[in-house]
PDB file of all heavy atoms in Angstrom:
ATOM      1  N   ASP A   1      -5.354  -9.672   0.576  1.00  0.00           N
ATOM      2  CA  ASP A   1      -4.187 -10.376   0.046  1.00  0.00           C
ATOM      3  C   ASP A   1      -2.987  -9.438  -0.024  1.00  0.00           C
ATOM      4  O   ASP A   1      -1.855  -9.852   0.198  1.00  0.00           O
ATOM      5  CB  ASP A   1      -4.493 -10.913  -1.355  1.00  0.00           C
ATOM      6  CG  ASP A   1      -5.647 -11.888  -1.340  1.00  0.00           C
ATOM      7  OD1 ASP A   1      -5.504 -12.951  -0.719  1.00  0.00           O
ATOM      8  OD2 ASP A   1      -6.694 -11.571  -1.927  1.00  0.00           O
ATOM      9  N   MET A   2      -3.266  -8.182  -0.346  1.00  0.00           N
ATOM     10  CA  MET A   2      -2.198  -7.201  -0.497  1.00  0.00           C
ATOM     11  C   MET A   2      -2.609  -5.881   0.122  1.00  0.00           C
ATOM     12  O   MET A   2      -3.750  -5.434  -0.031  1.00  0.00           O
ATOM     13  CB  MET A   2      -1.858  -6.988  -1.975  1.00  0.00           C
ATOM     14  CG  MET A   2      -0.752  -5.958  -2.204  1.00  0.00           C
ATOM     15  SD  MET A   2      -0.168  -5.883  -3.924  1.00  0.00           S
ATOM     16  CE  MET A   2      -1.651  -5.345  -4.765  1.00  0.00           C
ATOM     17  N   LEU A   3      -1.678  -5.256   0.848  1.00  0.00           N
ATOM     18  CA  LEU A   3      -1.904  -3.930   1.420  1.00  0.00           C
ATOM     19  C   LEU A   3      -0.901  -2.972   0.788  1.00  0.00           C
ATOM     20  O   LEU A   3       0.315  -3.179   0.876  1.00  0.00           O
ATOM     21  CB  LEU A   3      -1.744  -3.968   2.941  1.00  0.00           C
ATOM     22  CG  LEU A   3      -2.187  -2.710   3.702  1.00  0.00           C
ATOM     23  CD1 LEU A   3      -2.590  -3.066   5.128  1.00  0.00           C
ATOM     24  CD2 LEU A   3      -1.079  -1.644   3.746  1.00  0.00           C
ATOM     25  N   ILE A   4      -1.408  -1.938   0.146  1.00  0.00           N
ATOM     26  CA  ILE A   4      -0.594  -0.940  -0.533  1.00  0.00           C
ATOM     27  C   ILE A   4      -0.612   0.352   0.284  1.00  0.00           C
ATOM     28  O   ILE A   4      -1.661   0.772   0.770  1.00  0.00           O
ATOM     29  CB  ILE A   4      -1.142  -0.646  -1.948  1.00  0.00           C
ATOM     30  CG1 ILE A   4      -1.123  -1.910  -2.810  1.00  0.00           C
ATOM     31  CG2 ILE A   4      -0.361   0.480  -2.619  1.00  0.00           C
ATOM     32  CD1 ILE A   4      -1.876  -1.747  -4.132  1.00  0.00           C
ATOM     33  N   ARG A   5       0.561   0.964   0.430  1.00  0.00           N
ATOM     34  CA  ARG A   5       0.597   2.314   0.986  1.00  0.00           C
ATOM     35  C   ARG A   5       1.355   3.217   0.026  1.00  0.00           C
ATOM     36  O   ARG A   5       2.489   2.932  -0.359  1.00  0.00           O
ATOM     37  CB  ARG A   5       1.273   2.360   2.353  1.00  0.00           C
ATOM     38  CG  ARG A   5       1.291   3.798   2.907  1.00  0.00           C
ATOM     39  CD  ARG A   5       1.733   3.889   4.339  1.00  0.00           C
ATOM     40  NE  ARG A   5       1.571   5.272   4.807  1.00  0.00           N
ATOM     41  CZ  ARG A   5       1.269   5.629   6.041  1.00  0.00           C
ATOM     42  NH1 ARG A   5       1.084   4.695   6.964  1.00  0.00           N
ATOM     43  NH2 ARG A   5       1.138   6.898   6.387  1.00  0.00           N
ATOM     44  N   THR A   6       0.718   4.303  -0.364  1.00  0.00           N
ATOM     45  CA  THR A   6       1.358   5.288  -1.228  1.00  0.00           C
ATOM     46  C   THR A   6       2.034   6.354  -0.373  1.00  0.00           C
ATOM     47  O   THR A   6       1.879   6.388   0.838  1.00  0.00           O
ATOM     48  CB  THR A   6       0.322   5.947  -2.157  1.00  0.00           C
ATOM     49  OG1 THR A   6      -0.643   6.669  -1.358  1.00  0.00           O
ATOM     50  CG2 THR A   6      -0.408   4.904  -2.992  1.00  0.00           C
ATOM     51  N   GLY A   7       2.795   7.232  -1.012  1.00  0.00           N
ATOM     52  CA  GLY A   7       3.320   8.404  -0.322  1.00  0.00           C
ATOM     53  C   GLY A   7       4.671   8.249   0.327  1.00  0.00           C
ATOM     54  O   GLY A   7       5.170   9.175   0.967  1.00  0.00           O
ATOM     55  N   GLY A   8       5.303   7.077   0.205  1.00  0.00           N
ATOM     56  CA  GLY A   8       6.671   6.932   0.672  1.00  0.00           C
ATOM     57  C   GLY A   8       6.853   6.491   2.108  1.00  0.00           C
ATOM     58  O   GLY A   8       7.984   6.237   2.536  1.00  0.00           O
ATOM     59  N   GLU A   9       5.778   6.396   2.891  1.00  0.00           N
ATOM     60  CA  GLU A   9       5.902   5.916   4.267  1.00  0.00           C
ATOM     61  C   GLU A   9       5.813   4.389   4.290  1.00  0.00           C
ATOM     62  O   GLU A   9       5.167   3.785   3.433  1.00  0.00           O
ATOM     63  CB  GLU A   9       4.811   6.519   5.150  1.00  0.00           C
ATOM     64  CG  GLU A   9       4.753   8.038   5.143  1.00  0.00           C
ATOM     65  CD  GLU A   9       5.943   8.684   5.842  1.00  0.00           C
ATOM     66  OE1 GLU A   9       6.744   7.944   6.446  1.00  0.00           O
ATOM     67  OE2 GLU A   9       6.077   9.916   5.761  1.00  0.00           O
ATOM     68  N   ALA A  10       6.444   3.777   5.286  1.00  0.00           N
ATOM     69  CA  ALA A  10       6.484   2.309   5.354  1.00  0.00           C
ATOM     70  C   ALA A  10       5.945   1.836   6.705  1.00  0.00           C
ATOM     71  O   ALA A  10       6.662   1.239   7.507  1.00  0.00           O
ATOM     72  CB  ALA A  10       7.896   1.789   5.124  1.00  0.00           C
ATOM     73  N   ARG A  11       4.695   2.129   6.969  1.00  0.00           N
ATOM     74  CA  ARG A  11       4.008   1.661   8.169  1.00  0.00           C
ATOM     75  C   ARG A  11       2.530   1.517   7.827  1.00  0.00           C
ATOM     76  O   ARG A  11       2.068   2.041   6.807  1.00  0.00           O
ATOM     77  CB  ARG A  11       4.203   2.634   9.334  1.00  0.00           C
ATOM     78  CG  ARG A  11       3.705   4.054   9.056  1.00  0.00           C
ATOM     79  CD  ARG A  11       3.911   4.976  10.243  1.00  0.00           C
ATOM     80  NE  ARG A  11       3.459   6.327   9.939  1.00  0.00           N
ATOM     81  CZ  ARG A  11       4.197   7.268   9.375  1.00  0.00           C
ATOM     82  NH1 ARG A  11       5.464   6.991   9.050  1.00  0.00           N
ATOM     83  NH2 ARG A  11       3.717   8.464   9.121  1.00  0.00           N
ATOM     84  N   ILE A  12       1.771   0.835   8.693  1.00  0.00           N
ATOM     85  CA  ILE A  12       0.357   0.606   8.379  1.00  0.00           C
ATOM     86  C   ILE A  12      -0.583   1.467   9.216  1.00  0.00           C
ATOM     87  O   ILE A  12      -1.804   1.436   9.000  1.00  0.00           O
ATOM     88  CB  ILE A  12      -0.030  -0.879   8.485  1.00  0.00           C
ATOM     89  CG1 ILE A  12       0.177  -1.407   9.903  1.00  0.00           C
ATOM     90  CG2 ILE A  12       0.767  -1.695   7.479  1.00  0.00           C
ATOM     91  CD1 ILE A  12      -0.354  -2.826  10.066  1.00  0.00           C
ATOM     92  N   SER A  13      -0.060   2.248  10.141  1.00  0.00           N
ATOM     93  CA  SER A  13      -0.820   3.316  10.804  1.00  0.00           C
ATOM     94  C   SER A  13      -2.181   2.870  11.342  1.00  0.00           C
ATOM     95  O   SER A  13      -3.200   3.490  11.040  1.00  0.00           O
ATOM     96  CB  SER A  13      -0.982   4.499   9.845  1.00  0.00           C
ATOM     97  OG  SER A  13       0.277   5.042   9.499  1.00  0.00           O
ATOM     98  N   ASN A  14      -2.200   1.782  12.096  1.00  0.00           N
ATOM     99  CA  ASN A  14      -3.421   1.352  12.778  1.00  0.00           C
ATOM    100  C   ASN A  14      -4.520   0.949  11.790  1.00  0.00           C
ATOM    101  O   ASN A  14      -5.705   1.086  12.071  1.00  0.00           O
ATOM    102  CB  ASN A  14      -3.918   2.465  13.705  1.00  0.00           C
ATOM    103  CG  ASN A  14      -4.917   1.980  14.743  1.00  0.00           C
ATOM    104  OD1 ASN A  14      -4.998   0.785  15.046  1.00  0.00           O
ATOM    105  ND2 ASN A  14      -5.694   2.896  15.283  1.00  0.00           N
ATOM    106  N   PHE A  15      -4.135   0.425  10.647  1.00  0.00           N
ATOM    107  CA  PHE A  15      -5.092   0.046   9.599  1.00  0.00           C
ATOM    108  C   PHE A  15      -5.194  -1.473   9.507  1.00  0.00           C
ATOM    109  O   PHE A  15      -4.187  -2.154   9.278  1.00  0.00           O
ATOM    110  CB  PHE A  15      -4.629   0.631   8.265  1.00  0.00           C
ATOM    111  CG  PHE A  15      -5.534   0.345   7.100  1.00  0.00           C
ATOM    112  CD1 PHE A  15      -6.902   0.518   7.182  1.00  0.00           C
ATOM    113  CD2 PHE A  15      -5.002  -0.081   5.888  1.00  0.00           C
ATOM    114  CE1 PHE A  15      -7.730   0.272   6.097  1.00  0.00           C
ATOM    115  CE2 PHE A  15      -5.817  -0.328   4.795  1.00  0.00           C
ATOM    116  CZ  PHE A  15      -7.181  -0.148   4.902  1.00  0.00           C
ATOM    117  N   LEU A  16      -6.378  -2.015   9.702  1.00  0.00           N
ATOM    118  CA  LEU A  16      -6.650  -3.446   9.529  1.00  0.00           C
ATOM    119  C   LEU A  16      -5.600  -4.306  10.243  1.00  0.00           C
ATOM    120  O   LEU A  16      -5.044  -5.243   9.658  1.00  0.00           O
ATOM    121  CB  LEU A  16      -6.706  -3.804   8.039  1.00  0.00           C
ATOM    122  CG  LEU A  16      -7.758  -3.081   7.202  1.00  0.00           C
ATOM    123  CD1 LEU A  16      -7.679  -3.530   5.749  1.00  0.00           C
ATOM    124  CD2 LEU A  16      -9.168  -3.299   7.744  1.00  0.00           C
ATOM    125  N   LEU A  17      -5.346  -4.005  11.499  1.00  0.00           N
ATOM    126  CA  LEU A  17      -4.273  -4.681  12.236  1.00  0.00           C
ATOM    127  C   LEU A  17      -4.479  -6.189  12.310  1.00  0.00           C
ATOM    128  O   LEU A  17      -3.537  -6.967  12.164  1.00  0.00           O
ATOM    129  CB  LEU A  17      -4.170  -4.095  13.651  1.00  0.00           C
ATOM    130  CG  LEU A  17      -3.768  -2.624  13.745  1.00  0.00           C
ATOM    131  CD1 LEU A  17      -3.699  -2.204  15.207  1.00  0.00           C
ATOM    132  CD2 LEU A  17      -2.438  -2.364  13.050  1.00  0.00           C
ATOM    133  N   TRP A  18      -5.700  -6.607  12.540  1.00  0.00           N
ATOM    134  CA  TRP A  18      -6.004  -8.043  12.628  1.00  0.00           C
ATOM    135  C   TRP A  18      -6.011  -8.667  11.235  1.00  0.00           C
ATOM    136  O   TRP A  18      -5.406  -9.709  10.989  1.00  0.00           O
ATOM    137  CB  TRP A  18      -7.359  -8.236  13.312  1.00  0.00           C
ATOM    138  CG  TRP A  18      -7.804  -9.662  13.465  1.00  0.00           C
ATOM    139  CD1 TRP A  18      -8.372 -10.460  12.506  1.00  0.00           C
ATOM    140  CD2 TRP A  18      -7.725 -10.470  14.637  1.00  0.00           C
ATOM    141  NE1 TRP A  18      -8.665 -11.700  13.007  1.00  0.00           N
ATOM    142  CE2 TRP A  18      -8.273 -11.735  14.314  1.00  0.00           C
ATOM    143  CE3 TRP A  18      -7.247 -10.244  15.930  1.00  0.00           C
ATOM    144  CZ2 TRP A  18      -8.357 -12.773  15.245  1.00  0.00           C
ATOM    145  CZ3 TRP A  18      -7.338 -11.273  16.857  1.00  0.00           C
ATOM    146  CH2 TRP A  18      -7.885 -12.534  16.505  1.00  0.00           C
ATOM    147  N   GLN A  19      -6.695  -8.013  10.313  1.00  0.00           N
ATOM    148  CA  GLN A  19      -6.929  -8.590   8.994  1.00  0.00           C
ATOM    149  C   GLN A  19      -5.667  -8.654   8.139  1.00  0.00           C
ATOM    150  O   GLN A  19      -5.575  -9.473   7.221  1.00  0.00           O
ATOM    151  CB  GLN A  19      -8.000  -7.775   8.255  1.00  0.00           C
ATOM    152  CG  GLN A  19      -9.365  -7.762   8.924  1.00  0.00           C
ATOM    153  CD  GLN A  19      -9.535  -6.610   9.903  1.00  0.00           C
ATOM    154  OE1 GLN A  19      -8.558  -6.093  10.437  1.00  0.00           O
ATOM    155  NE2 GLN A  19     -10.771  -6.210  10.142  1.00  0.00           N
ATOM    156  N   ALA A  20      -4.687  -7.795   8.421  1.00  0.00           N
ATOM    157  CA  ALA A  20      -3.481  -7.730   7.589  1.00  0.00           C
ATOM    158  C   ALA A  20      -2.365  -8.642   8.087  1.00  0.00           C
ATOM    159  O   ALA A  20      -1.227  -8.526   7.641  1.00  0.00           O
ATOM    160  CB  ALA A  20      -2.968  -6.294   7.525  1.00  0.00           C
ATOM    161  N   ALA A  21      -2.699  -9.586   8.965  1.00  0.00           N
ATOM    162  CA  ALA A  21      -1.673 -10.450   9.562  1.00  0.00           C
ATOM    163  C   ALA A  21      -0.843 -11.185   8.513  1.00  0.00           C
ATOM    164  O   ALA A  21       0.359 -11.387   8.691  1.00  0.00           O
ATOM    165  CB  ALA A  21      -2.330 -11.457  10.511  1.00  0.00           C
ATOM    166  N   TYR A  22      -1.466 -11.587   7.402  1.00  0.00           N
ATOM    167  CA  TYR A  22      -0.746 -12.307   6.348  1.00  0.00           C
ATOM    168  C   TYR A  22      -0.843 -11.600   4.988  1.00  0.00           C
ATOM    169  O   TYR A  22      -0.627 -12.214   3.949  1.00  0.00           O
ATOM    170  CB  TYR A  22      -1.248 -13.748   6.236  1.00  0.00           C
ATOM    171  CG  TYR A  22      -0.573 -14.680   7.215  1.00  0.00           C
ATOM    172  CD1 TYR A  22      -1.187 -15.014   8.412  1.00  0.00           C
ATOM    173  CD2 TYR A  22       0.693 -15.199   6.954  1.00  0.00           C
ATOM    174  CE1 TYR A  22      -0.560 -15.852   9.326  1.00  0.00           C
ATOM    175  CE2 TYR A  22       1.333 -16.035   7.842  1.00  0.00           C
ATOM    176  CZ  TYR A  22       0.705 -16.363   9.034  1.00  0.00           C
ATOM    177  OH  TYR A  22       1.331 -17.177   9.931  1.00  0.00           O
ATOM    178  N   SER A  23      -1.138 -10.314   5.019  1.00  0.00           N
ATOM    179  CA  SER A  23      -1.166  -9.559   3.774  1.00  0.00           C
ATOM    180  C   SER A  23       0.252  -9.333   3.258  1.00  0.00           C
ATOM    181  O   SER A  23       1.200  -9.215   4.036  1.00  0.00           O
ATOM    182  CB  SER A  23      -1.837  -8.193   3.988  1.00  0.00           C
ATOM    183  OG  SER A  23      -3.164  -8.331   4.421  1.00  0.00           O
ATOM    184  N   GLU A  24       0.380  -9.262   1.937  1.00  0.00           N
ATOM    185  CA  GLU A  24       1.641  -8.859   1.324  1.00  0.00           C
ATOM    186  C   GLU A  24       1.670  -7.333   1.282  1.00  0.00           C
ATOM    187  O   GLU A  24       0.752  -6.708   0.757  1.00  0.00           O
ATOM    188  CB  GLU A  24       1.759  -9.435  -0.087  1.00  0.00           C
ATOM    189  CG  GLU A  24       1.759 -10.955  -0.138  1.00  0.00           C
ATOM    190  CD  GLU A  24       2.993 -11.566   0.513  1.00  0.00           C
ATOM    191  OE1 GLU A  24       4.046 -10.909   0.496  1.00  0.00           O
ATOM    192  OE2 GLU A  24       2.886 -12.682   1.045  1.00  0.00           O
ATOM    193  N   PHE A  25       2.726  -6.718   1.835  1.00  0.00           N
ATOM    194  CA  PHE A  25       2.814  -5.265   1.884  1.00  0.00           C
ATOM    195  C   PHE A  25       3.549  -4.734   0.654  1.00  0.00           C
ATOM    196  O   PHE A  25       4.521  -5.336   0.182  1.00  0.00           O
ATOM    197  CB  PHE A  25       3.553  -4.811   3.138  1.00  0.00           C
ATOM    198  CG  PHE A  25       2.786  -5.033   4.422  1.00  0.00           C
ATOM    199  CD1 PHE A  25       3.345  -4.699   5.635  1.00  0.00           C
ATOM    200  CD2 PHE A  25       1.517  -5.583   4.423  1.00  0.00           C
ATOM    201  CE1 PHE A  25       2.665  -4.897   6.826  1.00  0.00           C
ATOM    202  CE2 PHE A  25       0.813  -5.792   5.597  1.00  0.00           C
ATOM    203  CZ  PHE A  25       1.393  -5.441   6.804  1.00  0.00           C
ATOM    204  N   TYR A  26       3.056  -3.590   0.172  1.00  0.00           N
ATOM    205  CA  TYR A  26       3.682  -2.938  -0.972  1.00  0.00           C
ATOM    206  C   TYR A  26       3.705  -1.437  -0.691  1.00  0.00           C
ATOM    207  O   TYR A  26       2.657  -0.798  -0.572  1.00  0.00           O
ATOM    208  CB  TYR A  26       2.896  -3.221  -2.256  1.00  0.00           C
ATOM    209  CG  TYR A  26       3.461  -2.582  -3.505  1.00  0.00           C
ATOM    210  CD1 TYR A  26       4.472  -3.198  -4.242  1.00  0.00           C
ATOM    211  CD2 TYR A  26       2.983  -1.352  -3.951  1.00  0.00           C
ATOM    212  CE1 TYR A  26       4.992  -2.610  -5.387  1.00  0.00           C
ATOM    213  CE2 TYR A  26       3.489  -0.750  -5.096  1.00  0.00           C
ATOM    214  CZ  TYR A  26       4.499  -1.387  -5.807  1.00  0.00           C
ATOM    215  OH  TYR A  26       5.012  -0.807  -6.953  1.00  0.00           O
ATOM    216  N   PHE A  27       4.919  -0.882  -0.567  1.00  0.00           N
ATOM    217  CA  PHE A  27       5.080   0.537  -0.300  1.00  0.00           C
ATOM    218  C   PHE A  27       5.655   1.223  -1.531  1.00  0.00           C
ATOM    219  O   PHE A  27       6.596   0.718  -2.149  1.00  0.00           O
ATOM    220  CB  PHE A  27       6.011   0.755   0.898  1.00  0.00           C
ATOM    221  CG  PHE A  27       5.520   0.103   2.170  1.00  0.00           C
ATOM    222  CD1 PHE A  27       6.168  -1.011   2.693  1.00  0.00           C
ATOM    223  CD2 PHE A  27       4.413   0.598   2.833  1.00  0.00           C
ATOM    224  CE1 PHE A  27       5.730  -1.607   3.860  1.00  0.00           C
ATOM    225  CE2 PHE A  27       3.955   0.011   4.002  1.00  0.00           C
ATOM    226  CZ  PHE A  27       4.606  -1.092   4.522  1.00  0.00           C
ATOM    227  N   THR A  28       5.075   2.354  -1.886  1.00  0.00           N
ATOM    228  CA  THR A  28       5.527   3.084  -3.065  1.00  0.00           C
ATOM    229  C   THR A  28       5.719   4.554  -2.725  1.00  0.00           C
ATOM    230  O   THR A  28       5.002   5.121  -1.894  1.00  0.00           O
ATOM    231  CB  THR A  28       4.515   2.946  -4.220  1.00  0.00           C
ATOM    232  OG1 THR A  28       4.917   3.789  -5.310  1.00  0.00           O
ATOM    233  CG2 THR A  28       3.112   3.349  -3.805  1.00  0.00           C
ATOM    234  N   GLU A  29       6.701   5.182  -3.383  1.00  0.00           N
ATOM    235  CA  GLU A  29       6.963   6.611  -3.192  1.00  0.00           C
ATOM    236  C   GLU A  29       5.881   7.473  -3.846  1.00  0.00           C
ATOM    237  O   GLU A  29       5.743   8.657  -3.528  1.00  0.00           O
ATOM    238  CB  GLU A  29       8.327   6.973  -3.788  1.00  0.00           C
ATOM    239  CG  GLU A  29       9.508   6.291  -3.115  1.00  0.00           C
ATOM    240  CD  GLU A  29       9.758   6.804  -1.717  1.00  0.00           C
ATOM    241  OE1 GLU A  29       9.469   7.992  -1.458  1.00  0.00           O
ATOM    242  OE2 GLU A  29      10.248   6.022  -0.874  1.00  0.00           O
ATOM    243  N   THR A  30       5.123   6.906  -4.751  1.00  0.00           N
ATOM    244  CA  THR A  30       4.115   7.661  -5.492  1.00  0.00           C
ATOM    245  C   THR A  30       3.068   8.241  -4.548  1.00  0.00           C
ATOM    246  O   THR A  30       2.506   7.523  -3.713  1.00  0.00           O
ATOM    247  CB  THR A  30       3.416   6.757  -6.525  1.00  0.00           C
ATOM    248  OG1 THR A  30       4.394   6.195  -7.400  1.00  0.00           O
ATOM    249  CG2 THR A  30       2.388   7.537  -7.331  1.00  0.00           C
ATOM    250  N   TYR A  31       2.802   9.535  -4.673  1.00  0.00           N
ATOM    251  CA  TYR A  31       1.729  10.142  -3.887  1.00  0.00           C
ATOM    252  C   TYR A  31       0.384   9.662  -4.420  1.00  0.00           C
ATOM    253  O   TYR A  31       0.226   9.396  -5.617  1.00  0.00           O
ATOM    254  CB  TYR A  31       1.796  11.672  -3.963  1.00  0.00           C
ATOM    255  CG  TYR A  31       3.002  12.272  -3.293  1.00  0.00           C
ATOM    256  CD1 TYR A  31       3.682  13.347  -3.865  1.00  0.00           C
ATOM    257  CD2 TYR A  31       3.479  11.779  -2.084  1.00  0.00           C
ATOM    258  CE1 TYR A  31       4.791  13.917  -3.254  1.00  0.00           C
ATOM    259  CE2 TYR A  31       4.587  12.340  -1.456  1.00  0.00           C
ATOM    260  CZ  TYR A  31       5.235  13.405  -2.049  1.00  0.00           C
ATOM    261  OH  TYR A  31       6.335  13.951  -1.442  1.00  0.00           O
ATOM    262  N   TRP A  32      -0.609   9.591  -3.537  1.00  0.00           N
ATOM    263  CA  TRP A  32      -1.898   9.043  -3.949  1.00  0.00           C
ATOM    264  C   TRP A  32      -2.505   9.763  -5.160  1.00  0.00           C
ATOM    265  O   TRP A  32      -3.049   9.098  -6.055  1.00  0.00           O
ATOM    266  CB  TRP A  32      -2.882   9.046  -2.780  1.00  0.00           C
ATOM    267  CG  TRP A  32      -4.246   8.558  -3.174  1.00  0.00           C
ATOM    268  CD1 TRP A  32      -5.407   9.274  -3.212  1.00  0.00           C
ATOM    269  CD2 TRP A  32      -4.580   7.241  -3.635  1.00  0.00           C
ATOM    270  NE1 TRP A  32      -6.440   8.492  -3.661  1.00  0.00           N
ATOM    271  CE2 TRP A  32      -5.961   7.250  -3.929  1.00  0.00           C
ATOM    272  CE3 TRP A  32      -3.849   6.065  -3.844  1.00  0.00           C
ATOM    273  CZ2 TRP A  32      -6.623   6.110  -4.406  1.00  0.00           C
ATOM    274  CZ3 TRP A  32      -4.496   4.936  -4.312  1.00  0.00           C
ATOM    275  CH2 TRP A  32      -5.873   4.968  -4.588  1.00  0.00           C
ATOM    276  N   PRO A  33      -2.456  11.087  -5.269  1.00  0.00           N
ATOM    277  CA  PRO A  33      -3.061  11.727  -6.459  1.00  0.00           C
ATOM    278  C   PRO A  33      -2.449  11.292  -7.782  1.00  0.00           C
ATOM    279  O   PRO A  33      -3.061  11.461  -8.840  1.00  0.00           O
ATOM    280  CB  PRO A  33      -2.832  13.225  -6.206  1.00  0.00           C
ATOM    281  CG  PRO A  33      -2.767  13.336  -4.727  1.00  0.00           C
ATOM    282  CD  PRO A  33      -2.023  12.099  -4.291  1.00  0.00           C
ATOM    283  N   ASP A  34      -1.232  10.735  -7.751  1.00  0.00           N
ATOM    284  CA  ASP A  34      -0.573  10.267  -8.975  1.00  0.00           C
ATOM    285  C   ASP A  34      -0.729   8.769  -9.194  1.00  0.00           C
ATOM    286  O   ASP A  34      -0.246   8.231 -10.196  1.00  0.00           O
ATOM    287  CB  ASP A  34       0.926  10.606  -8.931  1.00  0.00           C
ATOM    288  CG  ASP A  34       1.186  12.103  -9.010  1.00  0.00           C
ATOM    289  OD1 ASP A  34       0.411  12.801  -9.690  1.00  0.00           O
ATOM    290  OD2 ASP A  34       2.158  12.567  -8.375  1.00  0.00           O
ATOM    291  N   PHE A  35      -1.380   8.077  -8.268  1.00  0.00           N
ATOM    292  CA  PHE A  35      -1.527   6.622  -8.362  1.00  0.00           C
ATOM    293  C   PHE A  35      -2.650   6.302  -9.355  1.00  0.00           C
ATOM    294  O   PHE A  35      -3.738   6.855  -9.278  1.00  0.00           O
ATOM    295  CB  PHE A  35      -1.867   6.044  -6.990  1.00  0.00           C
ATOM    296  CG  PHE A  35      -1.623   4.571  -6.857  1.00  0.00           C
ATOM    297  CD1 PHE A  35      -0.365   4.090  -6.535  1.00  0.00           C
ATOM    298  CD2 PHE A  35      -2.649   3.659  -7.062  1.00  0.00           C
ATOM    299  CE1 PHE A  35      -0.134   2.721  -6.408  1.00  0.00           C
ATOM    300  CE2 PHE A  35      -2.427   2.296  -6.935  1.00  0.00           C
ATOM    301  CZ  PHE A  35      -1.172   1.821  -6.608  1.00  0.00           C
ATOM    302  N   ASP A  36      -2.373   5.391 -10.302  1.00  0.00           N
ATOM    303  CA  ASP A  36      -3.343   5.078 -11.342  1.00  0.00           C
ATOM    304  C   ASP A  36      -3.311   3.588 -11.664  1.00  0.00           C
ATOM    305  O   ASP A  36      -2.725   2.790 -10.930  1.00  0.00           O
ATOM    306  CB  ASP A  36      -3.083   5.918 -12.595  1.00  0.00           C
ATOM    307  CG  ASP A  36      -1.659   5.744 -13.135  1.00  0.00           C
ATOM    308  OD1 ASP A  36      -0.959   4.787 -12.721  1.00  0.00           O
ATOM    309  OD2 ASP A  36      -1.236   6.553 -13.984  1.00  0.00           O
ATOM    310  N   GLY A  37      -3.948   3.214 -12.760  1.00  0.00           N
ATOM    311  CA  GLY A  37      -4.009   1.814 -13.149  1.00  0.00           C
ATOM    312  C   GLY A  37      -2.641   1.197 -13.396  1.00  0.00           C
ATOM    313  O   GLY A  37      -2.396   0.048 -13.029  1.00  0.00           O
ATOM    314  N   ASP A  38      -1.730   1.957 -14.005  1.00  0.00           N
ATOM    315  CA  ASP A  38      -0.381   1.439 -14.245  1.00  0.00           C
ATOM    316  C   ASP A  38       0.343   1.197 -12.926  1.00  0.00           C
ATOM    317  O   ASP A  38       1.059   0.200 -12.771  1.00  0.00           O
ATOM    318  CB  ASP A  38       0.421   2.411 -15.113  1.00  0.00           C
ATOM    319  CG  ASP A  38      -0.052   2.420 -16.558  1.00  0.00           C
ATOM    320  OD1 ASP A  38      -0.699   1.435 -16.980  1.00  0.00           O
ATOM    321  OD2 ASP A  38       0.222   3.407 -17.268  1.00  0.00           O
ATOM    322  N   ALA A  39       0.177   2.119 -11.982  1.00  0.00           N
ATOM    323  CA  ALA A  39       0.803   1.951 -10.666  1.00  0.00           C
ATOM    324  C   ALA A  39       0.220   0.741  -9.954  1.00  0.00           C
ATOM    325  O   ALA A  39       0.937   0.003  -9.271  1.00  0.00           O
ATOM    326  CB  ALA A  39       0.614   3.214  -9.833  1.00  0.00           C
ATOM    327  N   LEU A  40      -1.091   0.537 -10.112  1.00  0.00           N
ATOM    328  CA  LEU A  40      -1.725  -0.640  -9.513  1.00  0.00           C
ATOM    329  C   LEU A  40      -1.164  -1.914 -10.139  1.00  0.00           C
ATOM    330  O   LEU A  40      -0.910  -2.907  -9.434  1.00  0.00           O
ATOM    331  CB  LEU A  40      -3.234  -0.577  -9.705  1.00  0.00           C
ATOM    332  CG  LEU A  40      -4.024  -1.754  -9.121  1.00  0.00           C
ATOM    333  CD1 LEU A  40      -3.953  -1.757  -7.603  1.00  0.00           C
ATOM    334  CD2 LEU A  40      -5.479  -1.716  -9.577  1.00  0.00           C
ATOM    335  N   ASP A  41      -0.965  -1.908 -11.447  1.00  0.00           N
ATOM    336  CA  ASP A  41      -0.405  -3.079 -12.122  1.00  0.00           C
ATOM    337  C   ASP A  41       0.994  -3.403 -11.611  1.00  0.00           C
ATOM    338  O   ASP A  41       1.364  -4.569 -11.470  1.00  0.00           O
ATOM    339  CB  ASP A  41      -0.360  -2.850 -13.637  1.00  0.00           C
ATOM    340  CG  ASP A  41      -1.739  -2.947 -14.270  1.00  0.00           C
ATOM    341  OD1 ASP A  41      -2.647  -3.489 -13.624  1.00  0.00           O
ATOM    342  OD2 ASP A  41      -1.898  -2.464 -15.409  1.00  0.00           O
ATOM    343  N   GLU A  42       1.791  -2.376 -11.333  1.00  0.00           N
ATOM    344  CA  GLU A  42       3.127  -2.614 -10.781  1.00  0.00           C
ATOM    345  C   GLU A  42       3.027  -3.290  -9.419  1.00  0.00           C
ATOM    346  O   GLU A  42       3.808  -4.194  -9.097  1.00  0.00           O
ATOM    347  CB  GLU A  42       3.885  -1.290 -10.666  1.00  0.00           C
ATOM    348  CG  GLU A  42       4.291  -0.693 -11.999  1.00  0.00           C
ATOM    349  CD  GLU A  42       5.089   0.588 -11.822  1.00  0.00           C
ATOM    350  OE1 GLU A  42       5.546   0.854 -10.685  1.00  0.00           O
ATOM    351  OE2 GLU A  42       5.255   1.328 -12.807  1.00  0.00           O
ATOM    352  N   ALA A  43       2.068  -2.862  -8.614  1.00  0.00           N
ATOM    353  CA  ALA A  43       1.884  -3.472  -7.297  1.00  0.00           C
ATOM    354  C   ALA A  43       1.445  -4.925  -7.431  1.00  0.00           C
ATOM    355  O   ALA A  43       1.948  -5.812  -6.727  1.00  0.00           O
ATOM    356  CB  ALA A  43       0.856  -2.673  -6.505  1.00  0.00           C
TER     357      ALA A  43
END
């Protein structure tokens, strides 16, 4: 339903190309080591 990418990049890098056809994309500047439950709630 939703595809999240951390780290500030805005591309899907060959990830789930078929399955993500209708996914909602969410890009965040937060680096993955800093991503937590609150960050997930924002997404």
